[in-house]
Amino acid sequence: MMVDWLGYFAGSLVVLSLIPQIVKSWKTKSAGDLSLPRYVMYMIGVALWVTYGFLVDNGPIAYMNGVAFVLALCVVYLKIKYGLSASRSVPPNREERR
């Protein structure tokens, strides 16, 4: 159907919007400024969209949100790998003030 192409196009934009963050975190090996709860909630939301897409037999919704889930999982992985230790460490300026 022609309307499915609109769904695939919209889904592609959502999916592509995650790629710059993944590339930046990967290259800089830094993800301290990313909000872990935001991406976890995003993953839950797209997982529900995947479920909905399968239940109503809508391929574009199920497929594109499935891809978005995988990319969001990459962001969460990078946050855990590069961001949690950085966000928990005490900045040097605060150490000097003590």
C-alpha atoms as a PDB file:
ATOM      1  CA  MET A   1       0.000   0.000   0.000  1.00  0.00           C
ATOM      2  CA  MET A   2       1.066   3.540  -0.665  1.00  0.00           C
ATOM      3  CA  VAL A   3       0.287   4.624   2.888  1.00  0.00           C
ATOM      4  CA  ASP A   4       2.776   2.034   4.205  1.00  0.00           C
ATOM      5  CA  TRP A   5       5.555   3.996   2.524  1.00  0.00           C
ATOM      6  CA  LEU A   6       4.630   7.003   4.630  1.00  0.00           C
ATOM      7  CA  GLY A   7       4.988   4.816   7.713  1.00  0.00           C
ATOM      8  CA  TYR A   8       8.372   3.541   6.590  1.00  0.00           C
ATOM      9  CA  PHE A   9       9.541   7.086   5.831  1.00  0.00           C
ATOM     10  CA  ALA A  10       8.407   8.402   9.230  1.00  0.00           C
ATOM     11  CA  GLY A  11       9.957   5.416  10.973  1.00  0.00           C
ATOM     12  CA  SER A  12      13.212   5.890   9.091  1.00  0.00           C
ATOM     13  CA  LEU A  13      13.483   9.455  10.368  1.00  0.00           C
ATOM     14  CA  VAL A  14      12.944   8.283  13.949  1.00  0.00           C
ATOM     15  CA  VAL A  15      15.520   5.527  13.533  1.00  0.00           C
ATOM     16  CA  LEU A  16      18.056   7.787  11.833  1.00  0.00           C
ATOM     17  CA  SER A  17      17.731  10.337  14.637  1.00  0.00           C
ATOM     18  CA  LEU A  18      19.479   7.899  16.995  1.00  0.00           C
ATOM     19  CA  ILE A  19      22.520   7.320  14.795  1.00  0.00           C
ATOM     20  CA  PRO A  20      24.320  10.657  15.399  1.00  0.00           C
ATOM     21  CA  GLN A  21      24.258  10.045  19.162  1.00  0.00           C
ATOM     22  CA  ILE A  22      25.615   6.533  18.755  1.00  0.00           C
ATOM     23  CA  VAL A  23      28.423   7.732  16.473  1.00  0.00           C
ATOM     24  CA  LYS A  24      29.347  10.626  18.765  1.00  0.00           C
ATOM     25  CA  SER A  25      29.394   8.476  21.908  1.00  0.00           C
ATOM     26  CA  TRP A  26      31.405   5.791  20.121  1.00  0.00           C
ATOM     27  CA  LYS A  27      34.005   8.217  18.725  1.00  0.00           C
ATOM     28  CA  THR A  28      34.434  10.283  21.891  1.00  0.00           C
ATOM     29  CA  LYS A  29      34.036   7.318  24.237  1.00  0.00           C
ATOM     30  CA  SER A  30      31.878   9.609  26.321  1.00  0.00           C
ATOM     31  CA  ALA A  31      28.216   9.362  27.250  1.00  0.00           C
ATOM     32  CA  GLY A  32      28.147  11.030  30.651  1.00  0.00           C
ATOM     33  CA  ASP A  33      25.681  13.716  29.577  1.00  0.00           C
ATOM     34  CA  LEU A  34      23.111  11.236  28.272  1.00  0.00           C
ATOM     35  CA  SER A  35      20.054  10.513  30.385  1.00  0.00           C
ATOM     36  CA  LEU A  36      19.811   6.778  31.029  1.00  0.00           C
ATOM     37  CA  PRO A  37      16.157   6.956  32.179  1.00  0.00           C
ATOM     38  CA  ARG A  38      15.224   8.774  28.957  1.00  0.00           C
ATOM     39  CA  TYR A  39      16.604   6.019  26.737  1.00  0.00           C
ATOM     40  CA  VAL A  40      15.215   3.222  28.920  1.00  0.00           C
ATOM     41  CA  MET A  41      11.753   4.807  28.710  1.00  0.00           C
ATOM     42  CA  TYR A  42      12.239   5.225  24.958  1.00  0.00           C
ATOM     43  CA  MET A  43      13.095   1.523  24.654  1.00  0.00           C
ATOM     44  CA  ILE A  44       9.986   0.539  26.601  1.00  0.00           C
ATOM     45  CA  GLY A  45       7.888   2.791  24.374  1.00  0.00           C
ATOM     46  CA  VAL A  46       9.220   1.390  21.116  1.00  0.00           C
ATOM     47  CA  ALA A  47       8.889  -2.170  22.449  1.00  0.00           C
ATOM     48  CA  LEU A  48       5.216  -1.435  23.056  1.00  0.00           C
ATOM     49  CA  TRP A  49       4.931   0.008  19.531  1.00  0.00           C
ATOM     50  CA  VAL A  50       6.472  -3.198  18.135  1.00  0.00           C
ATOM     51  CA  THR A  51       3.907  -5.239  20.058  1.00  0.00           C
ATOM     52  CA  TYR A  52       1.109  -3.000  18.816  1.00  0.00           C
ATOM     53  CA  GLY A  53       2.373  -3.248  15.245  1.00  0.00           C
ATOM     54  CA  PHE A  54       2.258  -7.032  15.370  1.00  0.00           C
ATOM     55  CA  LEU A  55      -1.175  -7.074  17.010  1.00  0.00           C
ATOM     56  CA  VAL A  56      -2.734  -4.862  14.338  1.00  0.00           C
ATOM     57  CA  ASP A  57      -0.665  -6.456  11.566  1.00  0.00           C
ATOM     58  CA  ASN A  58       1.077  -3.209  10.633  1.00  0.00           C
ATOM     59  CA  GLY A  59       4.519  -3.936   9.226  1.00  0.00           C
ATOM     60  CA  PRO A  60       5.906  -0.392   9.165  1.00  0.00           C
ATOM     61  CA  ILE A  61       5.120   0.194  12.836  1.00  0.00           C
ATOM     62  CA  ALA A  62       6.494  -3.165  13.954  1.00  0.00           C
ATOM     63  CA  TYR A  63       9.619  -3.134  11.789  1.00  0.00           C
ATOM     64  CA  MET A  64      10.727   0.463  12.238  1.00  0.00           C
ATOM     65  CA  ASN A  65      10.183   0.432  15.988  1.00  0.00           C
ATOM     66  CA  GLY A  66      12.079  -2.849  16.183  1.00  0.00           C
ATOM     67  CA  VAL A  67      15.055  -1.180  14.522  1.00  0.00           C
ATOM     68  CA  ALA A  68      14.658   1.849  16.817  1.00  0.00           C
ATOM     69  CA  PHE A  69      14.704  -0.509  19.811  1.00  0.00           C
ATOM     70  CA  VAL A  70      18.004  -2.044  18.707  1.00  0.00           C
ATOM     71  CA  LEU A  71      19.587   1.386  18.174  1.00  0.00           C
ATOM     72  CA  ALA A  72      18.292   2.639  21.535  1.00  0.00           C
ATOM     73  CA  LEU A  73      19.806  -0.475  23.083  1.00  0.00           C
ATOM     74  CA  CYS A  74      23.127   0.590  21.539  1.00  0.00           C
ATOM     75  CA  VAL A  75      22.793   4.022  23.166  1.00  0.00           C
ATOM     76  CA  VAL A  76      22.044   2.422  26.551  1.00  0.00           C
ATOM     77  CA  TYR A  77      25.040   0.109  26.141  1.00  0.00           C
ATOM     78  CA  LEU A  78      27.305   3.066  25.350  1.00  0.00           C
ATOM     79  CA  LYS A  79      25.885   4.992  28.310  1.00  0.00           C
ATOM     80  CA  ILE A  80      26.649   2.085  30.630  1.00  0.00           C
ATOM     81  CA  LYS A  81      30.085   1.496  29.112  1.00  0.00           C
ATOM     82  CA  TYR A  82      31.273   5.103  28.817  1.00  0.00           C
ATOM     83  CA  GLY A  83      28.888   7.218  30.838  1.00  0.00           C
ATOM     84  CA  LEU A  84      28.132   5.733  34.225  1.00  0.00           C
ATOM     85  CA  SER A  85      31.667   5.902  35.575  1.00  0.00           C
ATOM     86  CA  ALA A  86      32.127   9.413  34.184  1.00  0.00           C
ATOM     87  CA  SER A  87      28.905  10.707  35.710  1.00  0.00           C
ATOM     88  CA  ARG A  88      29.727   9.182  39.122  1.00  0.00           C
ATOM     89  CA  SER A  89      33.270  10.475  39.381  1.00  0.00           C
ATOM     90  CA  VAL A  90      33.984  13.664  41.281  1.00  0.00           C
ATOM     91  CA  PRO A  91      35.172  16.494  39.033  1.00  0.00           C
ATOM     92  CA  PRO A  92      38.700  17.761  39.858  1.00  0.00           C
ATOM     93  CA  ASN A  93      37.377  21.223  40.787  1.00  0.00           C
ATOM     94  CA  ARG A  94      35.287  19.822  43.612  1.00  0.00           C
ATOM     95  CA  GLU A  95      38.178  17.785  44.992  1.00  0.00           C
ATOM     96  CA  GLU A  96      40.339  20.882  45.223  1.00  0.00           C
ATOM     97  CA  ARG A  97      37.698  22.775  47.215  1.00  0.00           C
ATOM     98  CA  ARG A  98      37.581  20.181  50.009  1.00  0.00           C
END
